[in-house]
Structures are given as C-alpha cells and as structure tokens.
Protein backbone atom coordinates (compact mmCIF):
# COMPACT_ATOMS: atom_id res chain seq x y z
CA MET A 1 -161.54 149.31 -5.17
CA LYS A 2 -161.58 150.10 -1.28
CA ASN A 3 -160.21 153.23 0.13
CA ASP A 4 -157.12 152.76 2.21
CA THR A 5 -157.39 155.81 4.16
CA SER A 6 -154.47 154.86 6.58
CA LYS A 7 -152.07 155.36 3.69
CA LYS A 8 -153.83 158.60 2.74
CA LEU A 9 -153.88 160.00 6.24
CA LYS A 10 -149.92 159.67 6.26
CA THR A 11 -149.84 162.31 3.32
CA LEU A 12 -152.34 164.83 4.34
CA SER A 13 -151.03 168.38 4.17
CA PRO A 14 -149.97 169.75 7.65
CA GLY A 15 -151.96 172.98 7.26
CA ARG A 16 -155.45 173.57 8.37
CA LEU A 17 -156.89 173.32 4.66
CA LEU A 18 -157.43 170.30 3.05
CA SER A 19 -158.38 169.44 -0.72
CA LEU A 20 -161.37 167.39 -1.46
CA ARG A 21 -159.28 164.10 -1.75
CA GLU A 22 -157.62 164.95 1.57
CA ALA A 23 -160.70 165.80 3.35
CA ALA A 24 -162.22 162.51 2.31
CA ALA A 25 -159.27 160.59 3.69
CA TYR A 26 -159.53 162.61 6.81
CA MET A 27 -163.18 161.69 7.21
CA GLY A 28 -162.74 158.11 5.86
CA TRP A 29 -165.21 158.80 3.09
CA THR A 30 -165.13 158.47 -0.52
CA ILE A 31 -164.40 161.94 -2.50
CA TRP A 32 -168.04 161.81 -4.00
CA GLU A 33 -169.40 161.87 -0.12
CA ILE A 34 -167.27 164.80 0.35
CA ARG A 35 -168.41 166.55 -2.70
CA ARG A 36 -171.99 165.84 -1.80
CA PHE A 37 -171.35 167.04 1.57
CA VAL A 38 -169.86 170.46 0.30
CA TRP A 39 -172.72 170.80 -2.34
CA SER A 40 -175.31 170.44 0.31
CA GLY A 41 -174.02 173.23 2.16
CA GLU A 42 -173.10 171.28 5.43
CA VAL A 43 -169.61 172.59 5.63
CA PRO A 44 -167.91 175.66 4.34
CA PHE A 45 -165.47 175.77 1.86
CA ILE A 46 -162.89 178.01 0.26
CA ARG A 47 -162.49 178.35 -3.31
CA ARG A 48 -159.20 179.18 -5.19
CA GLY A 49 -159.60 180.06 -8.50
CA LYS A 50 -162.24 178.64 -10.50
CA ARG A 51 -161.98 174.86 -9.71
CA LYS A 52 -159.71 174.27 -6.44
CA ILE A 53 -161.80 173.75 -3.49
CA PHE A 54 -160.50 173.33 0.20
CA ILE A 55 -162.16 172.66 3.48
CA ASP A 56 -160.91 173.83 6.80
CA ARG A 57 -160.04 170.82 8.88
CA LYS A 58 -161.57 172.54 11.96
CA ASP A 59 -164.96 172.94 10.08
CA LEU A 60 -164.91 169.11 9.57
CA ASP A 61 -164.11 168.64 13.07
CA THR A 62 -166.87 170.88 14.10
CA TRP A 63 -169.38 169.21 11.97
CA VAL A 64 -168.40 165.93 13.67
CA ASP A 65 -168.74 167.23 17.16
CA SER A 66 -172.06 168.60 16.42
CA ASN A 67 -173.72 165.62 14.69
CA LYS A 68 -172.53 163.41 17.47
CA GLU A 69 -175.59 161.10 19.05
CA ARG A 70 -176.01 158.78 22.03
CA TRP A 71 -178.04 155.63 21.72
CA ASN A 72 -181.42 155.67 23.29
CA ASP A 73 -184.46 153.65 22.83
CA ASP A 74 -186.31 156.61 21.20
CA LEU A 75 -184.28 155.96 18.20
CA LEU A 76 -186.02 152.79 17.40
C-alpha cells in the first residue's frame, strides 16, 4: 500500500514535536525509515514514558538542510 502523505500532512500536530508516524509523513518516508533514522542516531529524539518517541520538527529541518547536495561531475 502506497503512503498518501498529502492526507497525512493535513493531520500533523501543530506543535514542534512529531510522533514517529507524523515525522514519517512530514518527511515523505515510511515509518520504518524514520525508525532506522532514529536508531542510527542521525536525529535526536525525545522519549515520553517507556515507548512514546517524539522528534522535533526543527531537528528534521536541520537534518535536511545539512544533507543537501548540489550535483557536480565528481559525483559520477
């Protein structure tokens, strides 16, 4: 089943903290991609209780900004 991120983006919480599901929709990724992203330590997270994990929307934006690349012939 294909993710329909346009529908999911309409239901994102208005605050800074996103659940894993909301973060996946925000990034256009699957929830498993977001989980791997968190587990690898590429983005900090906030734990609430034992199981609830939230990601700061600003951390996702910072990650995107710091991982942008421009194409050049050296990439071939």
